[in-house]
N, C-alpha and C. Protein backbone atom coordinates (compact mmCIF):
# COMPACT_ATOMS: atom_id res chain seq x y z
N MET A 1 -130.26 -190.24 -158.50
CA MET A 1 -131.24 -189.78 -158.65
C MET A 1 -132.70 -190.11 -159.75
N PHE A 2 -133.76 -190.50 -159.90
CA PHE A 2 -133.86 -191.21 -160.88
C PHE A 2 -135.10 -189.75 -161.71
N ARG A 3 -134.64 -189.59 -162.83
CA ARG A 3 -135.73 -189.08 -163.09
C ARG A 3 -136.80 -189.04 -164.49
N SER A 4 -137.90 -188.62 -164.27
CA SER A 4 -138.92 -189.27 -165.36
C SER A 4 -138.60 -188.26 -166.69
N THR A 5 -139.43 -188.99 -167.52
CA THR A 5 -139.39 -188.38 -168.66
C THR A 5 -140.66 -187.43 -169.24
N ARG A 6 -141.36 -188.33 -168.66
CA ARG A 6 -142.78 -188.10 -168.85
C ARG A 6 -143.25 -186.85 -167.87
N PRO A 7 -144.00 -185.81 -168.59
CA PRO A 7 -144.29 -184.33 -168.23
C PRO A 7 -145.34 -184.53 -166.59
N ALA A 8 -144.89 -183.88 -165.98
CA ALA A 8 -145.92 -183.71 -164.49
C ALA A 8 -147.57 -183.12 -164.77
N LEU A 9 -148.59 -183.95 -164.37
CA LEU A 9 -149.62 -183.52 -164.30
C LEU A 9 -149.80 -181.99 -163.63
N PRO A 10 -150.53 -181.13 -163.78
CA PRO A 10 -150.87 -180.24 -162.72
C PRO A 10 -151.57 -180.44 -161.38
N ARG A 11 -151.18 -180.17 -160.49
CA ARG A 11 -152.09 -180.49 -159.50
C ARG A 11 -153.24 -180.64 -159.28
N ASN A 12 -153.72 -179.70 -159.78
CA ASN A 12 -155.23 -179.29 -160.00
C ASN A 12 -155.84 -180.41 -160.49
N SER A 13 -155.73 -181.10 -161.81
CA SER A 13 -155.45 -181.39 -162.94
C SER A 13 -156.32 -183.27 -162.10
N LEU A 14 -155.54 -183.80 -161.03
CA LEU A 14 -155.85 -185.38 -160.17
C LEU A 14 -157.17 -185.40 -159.93
N PRO A 15 -157.57 -184.30 -159.39
CA PRO A 15 -159.21 -184.37 -158.85
C PRO A 15 -159.66 -184.87 -160.08
N MET A 16 -159.47 -184.01 -160.94
CA MET A 16 -160.76 -184.24 -162.45
C MET A 16 -160.13 -185.75 -163.17
N LEU A 17 -158.96 -185.98 -162.90
CA LEU A 17 -158.93 -187.57 -163.77
C LEU A 17 -158.88 -188.50 -162.85
N ALA A 18 -159.32 -188.30 -161.22
CA ALA A 18 -160.25 -189.01 -160.38
C ALA A 18 -161.40 -189.34 -160.83
N ALA A 19 -162.10 -188.15 -160.68
CA ALA A 19 -163.72 -187.92 -161.04
C ALA A 19 -163.92 -189.01 -162.55
N ALA A 20 -163.10 -188.48 -163.40
CA ALA A 20 -163.32 -188.81 -165.03
C ALA A 20 -163.39 -190.18 -164.39
N GLY A 21 -162.51 -190.87 -164.16
CA GLY A 21 -161.82 -192.38 -163.78
C GLY A 21 -163.19 -193.03 -163.28
N LEU A 22 -164.03 -192.66 -162.45
CA LEU A 22 -164.79 -192.91 -161.26
C LEU A 22 -165.97 -192.96 -162.41
N ALA A 23 -166.47 -192.15 -162.62
CA ALA A 23 -167.44 -192.09 -163.74
C ALA A 23 -166.95 -192.53 -164.82
N LEU A 24 -166.24 -193.33 -165.25
CA LEU A 24 -165.96 -194.32 -166.34
C LEU A 24 -167.02 -195.73 -165.44
N LEU A 25 -166.16 -196.37 -163.93
CA LEU A 25 -166.48 -197.29 -163.57
C LEU A 25 -168.04 -197.16 -163.19
N LEU A 26 -168.77 -196.03 -163.20
CA LEU A 26 -169.53 -196.28 -162.79
C LEU A 26 -170.90 -195.97 -163.61
N ALA A 27 -170.56 -195.73 -165.36
CA ALA A 27 -170.99 -195.08 -166.40
C ALA A 27 -173.13 -195.37 -166.06
N ALA A 28 -174.24 -181.26 -143.65
CA ALA A 28 -175.18 -182.09 -143.68
C ALA A 28 -176.11 -180.61 -143.36
N CYS A 29 -176.37 -181.29 -143.99
CA CYS A 29 -176.94 -180.84 -143.90
C CYS A 29 -178.02 -180.32 -143.34
N GLY A 30 -178.81 -179.12 -142.74
CA GLY A 30 -180.01 -179.22 -142.20
C GLY A 30 -181.32 -179.15 -143.16
N SER A 31 -182.25 -179.54 -142.77
CA SER A 31 -183.48 -179.09 -143.37
C SER A 31 -183.70 -177.51 -143.43
N ALA A 32 -183.16 -176.75 -142.44
CA ALA A 32 -184.27 -175.57 -142.11
C ALA A 32 -184.03 -174.72 -142.91
N PRO A 33 -184.72 -174.03 -143.83
CA PRO A 33 -184.98 -173.35 -145.04
C PRO A 33 -183.84 -172.10 -145.47
N HIS A 34 -183.56 -172.04 -146.06
CA HIS A 34 -181.70 -170.88 -145.73
C HIS A 34 -182.59 -169.57 -146.71
N LYS A 35 -182.10 -168.95 -145.62
CA LYS A 35 -182.39 -167.22 -145.91
C LYS A 35 -181.91 -166.54 -147.02
N PRO A 36 -182.62 -166.46 -147.99
CA PRO A 36 -181.76 -165.23 -149.19
C PRO A 36 -181.55 -163.93 -148.95
N SER A 37 -180.34 -163.75 -149.32
CA SER A 37 -179.99 -162.02 -149.04
C SER A 37 -180.96 -161.71 -150.19
N SER A 38 -180.72 -160.10 -149.96
CA SER A 38 -181.73 -159.42 -150.64
C SER A 38 -181.13 -159.45 -152.28
N SER A 39 -180.21 -159.89 -152.35
CA SER A 39 -179.62 -160.12 -153.68
C SER A 39 -179.46 -161.41 -154.27
N GLN A 40 -180.57 -162.65 -153.34
CA GLN A 40 -181.09 -163.34 -154.27
C GLN A 40 -182.65 -163.54 -153.45
N LYS A 41 -183.26 -162.93 -153.49
CA LYS A 41 -184.75 -162.79 -153.18
C LYS A 41 -185.18 -164.35 -154.71
N ARG A 42 -186.28 -165.22 -153.60
CA ARG A 42 -186.45 -166.35 -154.72
C ARG A 42 -188.03 -165.70 -154.96
N ASN A 43 -188.18 -166.56 -156.35
CA ASN A 43 -189.28 -166.09 -156.81
C ASN A 43 -190.29 -167.86 -156.73
N PRO A 44 -191.54 -167.39 -156.13
CA PRO A 44 -192.00 -168.85 -155.24
C PRO A 44 -192.34 -169.63 -156.89
N ALA A 45 -192.18 -168.74 -158.31
CA ALA A 45 -192.90 -169.82 -159.28
C ALA A 45 -191.34 -171.08 -159.27
N SER A 46 -190.23 -170.28 -159.29
CA SER A 46 -189.48 -170.71 -159.66
C SER A 46 -188.70 -172.16 -158.65
N ALA A 47 -189.73 -172.57 -157.57
CA ALA A 47 -189.75 -173.55 -157.17
C ALA A 47 -190.37 -175.01 -157.57
N VAL A 48 -191.06 -174.58 -158.71
CA VAL A 48 -192.50 -175.67 -159.07
C VAL A 48 -191.05 -176.35 -160.40
N PRO A 49 -191.68 -178.01 -160.38
CA PRO A 49 -190.51 -178.73 -161.13
C PRO A 49 -190.56 -178.26 -162.45
N ILE A 50 -189.93 -178.23 -163.71
CA ILE A 50 -190.22 -178.31 -164.69
C ILE A 50 -190.36 -179.50 -165.92
N ALA A 51 -189.69 -180.43 -165.24
CA ALA A 51 -190.01 -182.10 -165.42
C ALA A 51 -191.10 -181.96 -166.15
N LYS A 52 -192.51 -181.43 -165.82
CA LYS A 52 -193.88 -181.95 -166.22
C LYS A 52 -194.10 -181.26 -167.44
N ASN A 53 -193.39 -180.37 -167.90
CA ASN A 53 -193.52 -179.99 -169.25
C ASN A 53 -192.47 -179.93 -170.09
N LEU A 54 -192.06 -181.51 -170.05
CA LEU A 54 -190.68 -182.14 -170.69
C LEU A 54 -191.28 -183.61 -171.38
N GLY A 55 -192.41 -183.62 -171.56
CA GLY A 55 -193.25 -184.93 -171.50
C GLY A 55 -192.93 -186.44 -171.24
N TRP A 56 -192.23 -186.14 -170.41
CA TRP A 56 -191.88 -187.64 -169.43
C TRP A 56 -193.12 -187.90 -169.02
N SER A 57 -192.45 -189.54 -169.36
CA SER A 57 -193.74 -190.17 -168.50
C SER A 57 -193.30 -190.06 -166.77
N THR A 58 -194.90 -189.87 -166.11
CA THR A 58 -194.76 -189.93 -164.53
C THR A 58 -195.17 -191.46 -163.88
N ARG A 59 -195.15 -192.04 -164.91
CA ARG A 59 -195.26 -193.58 -163.96
C ARG A 59 -194.10 -194.35 -163.64
N PRO A 60 -194.62 -194.76 -161.72
CA PRO A 60 -192.78 -194.69 -161.29
C PRO A 60 -192.33 -195.70 -161.67
N ALA A 61 -192.74 -197.10 -162.35
CA ALA A 61 -191.93 -197.96 -162.71
C ALA A 61 -190.65 -197.34 -163.96
N ASP A 62 -190.92 -196.56 -164.57
CA ASP A 62 -190.20 -195.90 -165.74
C ASP A 62 -188.76 -195.72 -165.23
N ALA A 63 -187.61 -195.71 -165.77
CA ALA A 63 -186.15 -195.28 -165.13
C ALA A 63 -186.26 -193.83 -166.04
N PRO A 64 -185.55 -193.03 -165.41
CA PRO A 64 -185.01 -191.51 -166.08
C PRO A 64 -184.57 -191.61 -167.16
N PRO A 65 -184.66 -190.84 -168.06
CA PRO A 65 -184.09 -190.99 -169.45
C PRO A 65 -182.97 -190.33 -169.53
N ALA A 66 -182.64 -191.26 -170.58
CA ALA A 66 -181.11 -191.64 -169.94
C ALA A 66 -179.82 -190.49 -170.30
N ASP A 67 -180.58 -189.84 -171.50
CA ASP A 67 -179.79 -188.80 -171.29
C ASP A 67 -179.58 -187.78 -169.95
N ALA A 68 -180.50 -187.59 -169.31
CA ALA A 68 -181.11 -186.66 -168.55
C ALA A 68 -180.21 -187.07 -167.25
N ALA A 69 -180.04 -188.09 -167.07
CA ALA A 69 -179.48 -188.94 -166.05
C ALA A 69 -177.97 -189.14 -166.29
N ASN A 70 -177.30 -189.37 -167.31
CA ASN A 70 -175.76 -189.32 -167.78
C ASN A 70 -175.70 -187.70 -167.13
N ASP A 71 -175.86 -186.92 -167.38
CA ASP A 71 -176.02 -185.65 -167.48
C ASP A 71 -175.58 -185.23 -165.95
N VAL A 72 -176.75 -185.63 -165.33
CA VAL A 72 -176.86 -186.07 -163.93
C VAL A 72 -175.43 -186.24 -163.11
N LEU A 73 -175.25 -187.86 -163.52
CA LEU A 73 -174.50 -188.64 -163.14
C LEU A 73 -173.07 -187.78 -163.32
N PHE A 74 -172.81 -187.15 -164.50
CA PHE A 74 -170.97 -186.47 -164.81
C PHE A 74 -171.24 -185.31 -164.48
N ARG A 75 -172.06 -183.77 -164.06
CA ARG A 75 -172.14 -182.74 -163.32
C ARG A 75 -171.91 -183.72 -161.71
N ALA A 76 -172.34 -184.38 -161.40
CA ALA A 76 -172.54 -185.40 -159.74
C ALA A 76 -170.78 -185.24 -159.53
N ILE A 77 -170.58 -186.60 -160.53
CA ILE A 77 -169.02 -186.72 -160.39
C ILE A 77 -167.79 -185.91 -160.37
N GLY A 78 -168.15 -184.94 -161.38
CA GLY A 78 -167.76 -183.58 -161.40
C GLY A 78 -167.15 -182.74 -160.32
N LEU A 79 -167.97 -182.97 -159.14
CA LEU A 79 -167.98 -181.71 -158.17
C LEU A 79 -167.71 -182.70 -157.16
N VAL A 80 -167.28 -183.83 -157.03
CA VAL A 80 -166.68 -184.56 -155.66
C VAL A 80 -165.19 -183.63 -155.53
N GLY A 81 -165.14 -183.10 -154.58
CA GLY A 81 -163.67 -182.45 -153.92
C GLY A 81 -164.44 -181.35 -153.24
N THR A 82 -165.03 -180.25 -153.89
CA THR A 82 -165.57 -179.31 -153.87
C THR A 82 -165.83 -179.03 -152.30
N PRO A 83 -165.64 -178.04 -151.45
CA PRO A 83 -165.75 -177.85 -150.35
C PRO A 83 -167.10 -177.70 -150.13
N TYR A 84 -167.60 -178.17 -148.46
CA TYR A 84 -168.81 -178.19 -148.12
C TYR A 84 -169.25 -176.68 -146.85
N ARG A 85 -170.33 -175.88 -147.43
CA ARG A 85 -170.18 -174.66 -147.05
C ARG A 85 -171.73 -174.48 -146.67
N TRP A 86 -172.04 -174.22 -145.19
CA TRP A 86 -173.37 -174.43 -145.32
C TRP A 86 -174.37 -173.08 -146.17
N GLY A 87 -175.11 -173.33 -146.35
CA GLY A 87 -176.05 -172.54 -147.49
C GLY A 87 -175.68 -172.19 -149.34
N GLY A 88 -174.53 -172.95 -149.45
CA GLY A 88 -173.93 -172.66 -150.32
C GLY A 88 -174.47 -173.81 -151.18
N ASN A 89 -173.78 -172.98 -152.81
CA ASN A 89 -174.87 -172.79 -153.87
C ASN A 89 -173.91 -173.32 -155.25
N THR A 90 -172.57 -172.96 -154.85
CA THR A 90 -171.68 -172.83 -156.32
C THR A 90 -170.45 -173.30 -155.95
N PRO A 91 -169.52 -173.87 -157.03
CA PRO A 91 -168.81 -175.01 -156.94
C PRO A 91 -167.76 -173.84 -156.40
N GLN A 92 -167.61 -172.57 -156.75
CA GLN A 92 -166.60 -171.41 -156.28
C GLN A 92 -166.85 -171.35 -154.71
N GLY A 93 -168.24 -171.33 -154.22
CA GLY A 93 -168.50 -171.15 -153.31
C GLY A 93 -168.60 -172.06 -152.06
N GLY A 94 -168.42 -173.34 -152.53
CA GLY A 94 -169.15 -174.47 -151.51
C GLY A 94 -170.59 -175.30 -152.15
N PHE A 95 -170.55 -176.03 -151.51
CA PHE A 95 -172.15 -176.73 -151.39
C PHE A 95 -172.78 -177.17 -150.09
N ASP A 96 -173.80 -177.04 -149.62
CA ASP A 96 -174.61 -177.56 -148.61
C ASP A 96 -175.14 -178.94 -149.33
N CYS A 97 -175.76 -179.33 -148.67
CA CYS A 97 -176.12 -180.96 -149.36
C CYS A 97 -177.18 -180.49 -150.62
N SER A 98 -178.23 -179.31 -150.33
CA SER A 98 -179.49 -179.04 -151.05
C SER A 98 -179.31 -178.60 -151.91
N GLY A 99 -177.79 -177.39 -151.44
CA GLY A 99 -177.71 -176.33 -152.62
C GLY A 99 -177.18 -177.40 -153.80
N LEU A 100 -175.80 -178.44 -153.51
CA LEU A 100 -175.30 -179.28 -154.43
C LEU A 100 -176.52 -179.55 -154.98
N ILE A 101 -177.20 -180.58 -154.60
CA ILE A 101 -178.10 -181.22 -155.58
C ILE A 101 -178.69 -179.59 -156.43
N ASN A 102 -179.57 -179.03 -156.11
CA ASN A 102 -180.04 -177.80 -156.73
C ASN A 102 -179.04 -177.74 -157.81
N TYR A 103 -178.20 -177.27 -157.93
CA TYR A 103 -177.04 -177.17 -158.56
C TYR A 103 -176.71 -178.14 -159.67
N ILE A 104 -176.62 -179.31 -159.41
CA ILE A 104 -176.00 -180.90 -160.11
C ILE A 104 -177.77 -180.48 -161.56
N TYR A 105 -179.14 -180.47 -160.71
CA TYR A 105 -180.16 -180.37 -161.62
C TYR A 105 -180.23 -179.62 -162.64
N LEU A 106 -180.03 -178.24 -162.11
CA LEU A 106 -180.48 -176.91 -163.14
C LEU A 106 -179.63 -176.63 -163.62
N THR A 107 -178.27 -177.35 -163.71
CA THR A 107 -177.29 -176.86 -164.48
C THR A 107 -177.01 -178.16 -165.88
N SER A 108 -177.68 -178.91 -164.87
CA SER A 108 -177.64 -180.57 -166.39
C SER A 108 -178.72 -180.68 -166.81
N THR A 109 -179.19 -180.15 -166.46
CA THR A 109 -181.16 -180.52 -166.88
C THR A 109 -182.23 -179.25 -167.13
N GLY A 110 -181.69 -177.89 -166.76
CA GLY A 110 -182.32 -177.15 -166.52
C GLY A 110 -183.88 -177.29 -165.54
N LEU A 111 -183.43 -178.39 -164.60
CA LEU A 111 -184.71 -178.72 -163.76
C LEU A 111 -184.25 -177.90 -162.21
N ARG A 112 -184.94 -176.89 -161.86
CA ARG A 112 -185.10 -176.31 -160.76
C ARG A 112 -185.98 -176.73 -159.10
N LEU A 113 -185.18 -177.40 -158.06
CA LEU A 113 -185.39 -177.70 -157.28
C LEU A 113 -185.96 -176.91 -156.01
N PRO A 114 -186.61 -177.42 -155.17
CA PRO A 114 -186.90 -176.75 -153.86
C PRO A 114 -185.41 -176.19 -153.16
N ARG A 115 -185.17 -175.46 -152.53
CA ARG A 115 -183.89 -174.94 -151.47
C ARG A 115 -183.35 -176.08 -150.39
N THR A 116 -184.59 -176.72 -149.79
CA THR A 116 -184.14 -177.50 -148.32
C THR A 116 -184.20 -178.97 -148.98
N SER A 117 -183.35 -180.14 -148.31
CA SER A 117 -183.79 -181.27 -148.31
C SER A 117 -185.24 -181.54 -148.33
N ALA A 118 -185.62 -181.13 -146.74
CA ALA A 118 -186.82 -181.06 -146.84
C ALA A 118 -188.38 -181.42 -147.60
N GLU A 119 -187.88 -179.80 -148.71
CA GLU A 119 -188.84 -179.47 -149.49
C GLU A 119 -188.84 -180.14 -150.20
N MET A 120 -187.63 -181.10 -150.88
CA MET A 120 -187.21 -181.87 -151.65
C MET A 120 -187.39 -183.73 -151.92
N ALA A 121 -187.96 -183.66 -150.03
CA ALA A 121 -188.53 -184.61 -150.28
C ALA A 121 -189.76 -185.12 -150.39
N ALA A 122 -190.53 -183.39 -150.10
CA ALA A 122 -192.09 -183.34 -150.09
C ALA A 122 -192.79 -183.44 -152.01
N LEU A 123 -191.65 -183.23 -152.84
CA LEU A 123 -191.81 -183.41 -153.99
C LEU A 123 -193.01 -184.15 -154.50
N ASP A 124 -193.96 -183.98 -155.20
CA ASP A 124 -194.80 -184.70 -155.47
C ASP A 124 -194.22 -185.34 -156.88
N LYS A 125 -193.43 -186.26 -156.86
CA LYS A 125 -192.91 -187.22 -157.38
C LYS A 125 -192.85 -188.55 -156.93
N PRO A 126 -192.71 -189.50 -158.00
CA PRO A 126 -192.94 -190.92 -157.75
C PRO A 126 -191.75 -191.32 -156.35
N LYS A 127 -192.00 -192.00 -155.46
CA LYS A 127 -190.92 -192.69 -154.30
C LYS A 127 -190.35 -193.72 -154.97
N VAL A 128 -189.08 -193.58 -154.42
CA VAL A 128 -188.12 -195.14 -154.89
C VAL A 128 -187.58 -195.66 -153.85
N GLY A 129 -187.55 -197.15 -153.82
CA GLY A 129 -186.82 -197.78 -152.94
C GLY A 129 -185.76 -198.35 -153.23
N GLU A 130 -184.99 -198.19 -151.98
CA GLU A 130 -183.55 -198.91 -152.71
C GLU A 130 -183.42 -199.69 -153.53
N GLU A 131 -183.53 -200.63 -153.40
CA GLU A 131 -183.73 -201.72 -154.56
C GLU A 131 -183.97 -201.34 -155.91
N ASP A 132 -185.08 -200.22 -156.19
CA ASP A 132 -184.78 -199.78 -157.62
C ASP A 132 -184.56 -198.31 -157.23
N LEU A 133 -183.70 -197.68 -156.79
CA LEU A 133 -183.37 -196.31 -157.15
C LEU A 133 -182.59 -196.56 -158.78
N ALA A 134 -182.56 -195.67 -159.77
CA ALA A 134 -181.48 -195.75 -161.22
C ALA A 134 -180.51 -194.66 -160.80
N SER A 135 -179.77 -194.01 -161.78
CA SER A 135 -178.81 -193.08 -161.56
C SER A 135 -179.46 -191.75 -162.06
N GLY A 136 -179.13 -190.86 -161.19
CA GLY A 136 -179.89 -189.50 -161.19
C GLY A 136 -181.34 -189.56 -159.81
N ASP A 137 -181.44 -190.60 -159.46
CA ASP A 137 -182.38 -190.24 -158.63
C ASP A 137 -182.28 -189.39 -157.33
N LEU A 138 -182.84 -188.67 -156.23
CA LEU A 138 -182.70 -188.27 -155.55
C LEU A 138 -182.37 -189.34 -154.06
N VAL A 139 -181.61 -189.37 -153.10
CA VAL A 139 -181.59 -190.12 -151.93
C VAL A 139 -181.48 -189.52 -150.60
N PHE A 140 -182.56 -189.44 -150.10
CA PHE A 140 -183.16 -188.96 -148.67
C PHE A 140 -182.47 -189.73 -147.49
N PHE A 141 -182.23 -188.85 -146.44
CA PHE A 141 -181.93 -189.57 -145.35
C PHE A 141 -182.47 -189.01 -143.92
N GLY A 142 -182.46 -189.65 -143.26
CA GLY A 142 -182.78 -188.60 -141.84
C GLY A 142 -183.71 -189.79 -141.23
N ARG A 143 -183.77 -189.65 -139.69
CA ARG A 143 -185.15 -190.37 -138.82
C ARG A 143 -185.99 -189.64 -138.06
N GLY A 144 -187.10 -189.74 -138.52
CA GLY A 144 -188.58 -189.27 -138.37
C GLY A 144 -188.53 -188.35 -139.64
N HIS A 145 -187.48 -187.38 -140.35
CA HIS A 145 -187.75 -186.63 -140.82
C HIS A 145 -186.24 -186.67 -141.83
N VAL A 146 -186.52 -186.04 -142.87
CA VAL A 146 -185.63 -185.79 -144.03
C VAL A 146 -184.75 -184.31 -143.24
N THR A 147 -182.89 -185.37 -142.89
CA THR A 147 -182.26 -183.84 -143.09
C THR A 147 -181.14 -183.74 -144.07
N HIS A 148 -181.10 -184.48 -144.82
CA HIS A 148 -179.67 -185.03 -145.67
C HIS A 148 -180.56 -185.55 -147.02
N VAL A 149 -179.86 -184.88 -148.34
CA VAL A 149 -180.18 -185.48 -149.33
C VAL A 149 -179.03 -185.76 -150.49
N GLY A 150 -179.22 -186.84 -151.57
CA GLY A 150 -177.92 -186.86 -152.32
C GLY A 150 -178.40 -187.21 -153.73
N VAL A 151 -177.81 -187.36 -155.03
CA VAL A 151 -177.85 -187.62 -155.56
C VAL A 151 -177.79 -189.22 -155.97
N TYR A 152 -178.38 -190.58 -156.08
CA TYR A 152 -177.76 -191.40 -156.55
C TYR A 152 -177.20 -191.71 -158.22
N VAL A 153 -176.25 -191.98 -158.13
CA VAL A 153 -175.36 -192.56 -159.54
C VAL A 153 -175.36 -194.22 -160.07
N GLY A 154 -175.56 -194.93 -159.70
CA GLY A 154 -175.14 -196.11 -159.86
C GLY A 154 -174.76 -197.08 -158.80
N LYS A 155 -174.82 -198.45 -158.83
CA LYS A 155 -174.08 -199.58 -158.47
C LYS A 155 -173.94 -199.39 -156.43
N GLY A 156 -175.05 -198.90 -156.26
CA GLY A 156 -175.27 -198.64 -154.45
C GLY A 156 -174.36 -197.69 -154.48
N ARG A 157 -174.26 -196.25 -155.03
CA ARG A 157 -173.77 -195.20 -154.89
C ARG A 157 -173.97 -193.78 -154.88
N PHE A 158 -173.62 -193.08 -154.14
CA PHE A 158 -174.37 -191.29 -154.25
C PHE A 158 -173.50 -190.34 -154.30
N VAL A 159 -173.96 -189.55 -154.90
CA VAL A 159 -172.88 -187.85 -154.13
C VAL A 159 -173.34 -187.38 -153.34
N HIS A 160 -172.84 -186.46 -152.61
CA HIS A 160 -173.72 -185.80 -151.56
C HIS A 160 -172.27 -184.88 -150.92
N ALA A 161 -172.63 -183.67 -150.18
CA ALA A 161 -172.17 -182.79 -149.26
C ALA A 161 -172.54 -183.22 -147.96
N PRO A 162 -171.89 -183.67 -147.33
CA PRO A 162 -171.73 -184.51 -145.90
C PRO A 162 -171.96 -183.46 -144.67
N ASN A 163 -170.82 -182.42 -144.56
CA ASN A 163 -170.62 -182.03 -143.41
C ASN A 163 -169.98 -180.99 -143.25
N SER A 164 -169.95 -179.72 -142.82
CA SER A 164 -168.92 -178.89 -142.46
C SER A 164 -167.41 -178.86 -142.31
N GLY A 165 -166.78 -178.49 -142.75
CA GLY A 165 -165.88 -179.18 -142.91
C GLY A 165 -165.15 -180.45 -143.55
N GLY A 166 -166.16 -181.13 -144.50
CA GLY A 166 -165.97 -182.35 -145.40
C GLY A 166 -165.86 -181.36 -146.83
N THR A 167 -166.17 -182.40 -147.68
CA THR A 167 -166.51 -181.89 -149.25
C THR A 167 -167.15 -183.08 -149.83
N VAL A 168 -167.48 -182.31 -150.77
CA VAL A 168 -168.53 -183.35 -152.00
C VAL A 168 -167.99 -184.27 -152.30
N ARG A 169 -168.59 -185.48 -152.19
CA ARG A 169 -168.31 -186.67 -151.60
C ARG A 169 -168.96 -188.02 -153.02
N LEU A 170 -168.57 -189.26 -152.56
CA LEU A 170 -169.15 -190.47 -153.47
C LEU A 170 -169.07 -191.51 -152.41
N ASP A 171 -170.54 -191.64 -151.85
CA ASP A 171 -170.37 -192.93 -150.55
C ASP A 171 -171.25 -193.40 -151.29
N ASP A 172 -170.87 -194.60 -150.35
CA ASP A 172 -171.90 -196.16 -150.31
C ASP A 172 -173.04 -196.37 -149.77
N LEU A 173 -174.44 -196.68 -150.09
CA LEU A 173 -175.53 -196.53 -149.50
C LEU A 173 -175.61 -197.96 -148.55
N ASP A 174 -174.42 -198.54 -148.09
CA ASP A 174 -173.99 -199.77 -147.93
C ASP A 174 -173.36 -199.29 -146.73
N GLY A 175 -172.54 -198.07 -146.70
CA GLY A 175 -171.61 -197.78 -144.91
C GLY A 175 -172.79 -197.74 -144.25
N ALA A 176 -172.32 -197.92 -143.27
CA ALA A 176 -173.03 -198.10 -141.76
C ALA A 176 -174.06 -196.98 -141.39
N TYR A 177 -173.83 -195.45 -141.52
CA TYR A 177 -174.59 -194.48 -140.87
C TYR A 177 -175.77 -194.15 -142.16
N TRP A 178 -175.14 -194.50 -143.38
CA TRP A 178 -176.03 -194.44 -144.48
C TRP A 178 -177.56 -195.15 -144.88
N LYS A 179 -176.76 -196.87 -144.10
CA LYS A 179 -178.16 -197.77 -144.48
C LYS A 179 -178.72 -197.53 -143.61
N GLU A 180 -178.72 -196.81 -142.06
CA GLU A 180 -179.33 -197.08 -140.67
C GLU A 180 -180.26 -196.14 -140.97
N ASN A 181 -179.84 -194.79 -141.99
CA ASN A 181 -180.88 -193.01 -142.14
C ASN A 181 -181.44 -193.49 -143.19
N PHE A 182 -180.85 -194.19 -144.32
CA PHE A 182 -181.74 -194.18 -145.45
C PHE A 182 -182.97 -193.83 -145.40
N ALA A 183 -183.81 -193.08 -146.16
CA ALA A 183 -185.56 -193.32 -145.81
C ALA A 183 -185.80 -193.39 -147.43
N TYR A 184 -185.68 -192.90 -148.41
CA TYR A 184 -185.79 -193.16 -149.85
C TYR A 184 -185.45 -192.41 -150.57
N GLY A 185 -185.79 -192.97 -151.81
CA GLY A 185 -185.71 -192.16 -153.02
C GLY A 185 -187.13 -191.44 -153.64
N ARG A 186 -186.55 -190.43 -154.55
CA ARG A 186 -187.51 -189.80 -155.22
C ARG A 186 -186.69 -189.84 -157.02
N ARG A 187 -187.43 -190.39 -157.82
CA ARG A 187 -187.40 -190.04 -158.89
C ARG A 187 -188.15 -188.74 -159.52
N VAL A 188 -186.99 -187.87 -159.65
CA VAL A 188 -187.09 -186.15 -160.15
C VAL A 188 -187.52 -186.29 -161.66
N LEU A 189 -186.81 -187.53 -162.25
CA LEU A 189 -186.65 -187.13 -163.52
C LEU A 189 -187.18 -187.92 -164.78
N ASN A 190 -188.39 -188.30 -164.65
CA ASN A 190 -188.82 -188.66 -165.47
C ASN A 190 -190.70 -188.11 -165.60
């Protein structure tokens, strides 16, 4: 029997190695409002985006600031493999699509977004077509109304928490379902 002289990697490091490798290559959520428990009461002012206060341009043609977009990209890729949980908004408890996006933006940039995909889609931020997406843009899906959100990470790919029983994953916008249901993007980082 062959025995390797290399030390074995711990099993829990493999997803992180895969995410790091993918990040280097790249350099369902419903829209019904989540009812917070009494210990999670929301401050209405907290839903107001703070990007306006950061001094970034609000012109639609501007790409997101590179540092902020990179922070979002690396945070998103690092969460691939986290379990889906409806109403979830932490890595320990799992994520639904909007909880994932909220966590990514809050922890990587300090930007607090609304809780649901529909509320995020209604933000007064520039809409972006598929051909003009930049890393860090929100991507929305649905027919007639928005029912799902992810974050664009570049090269036609996005990270999202797709459905019950699944995990946070990286998908291609060209996938049959996503291509058919893509609505638009929103640039929230500029």
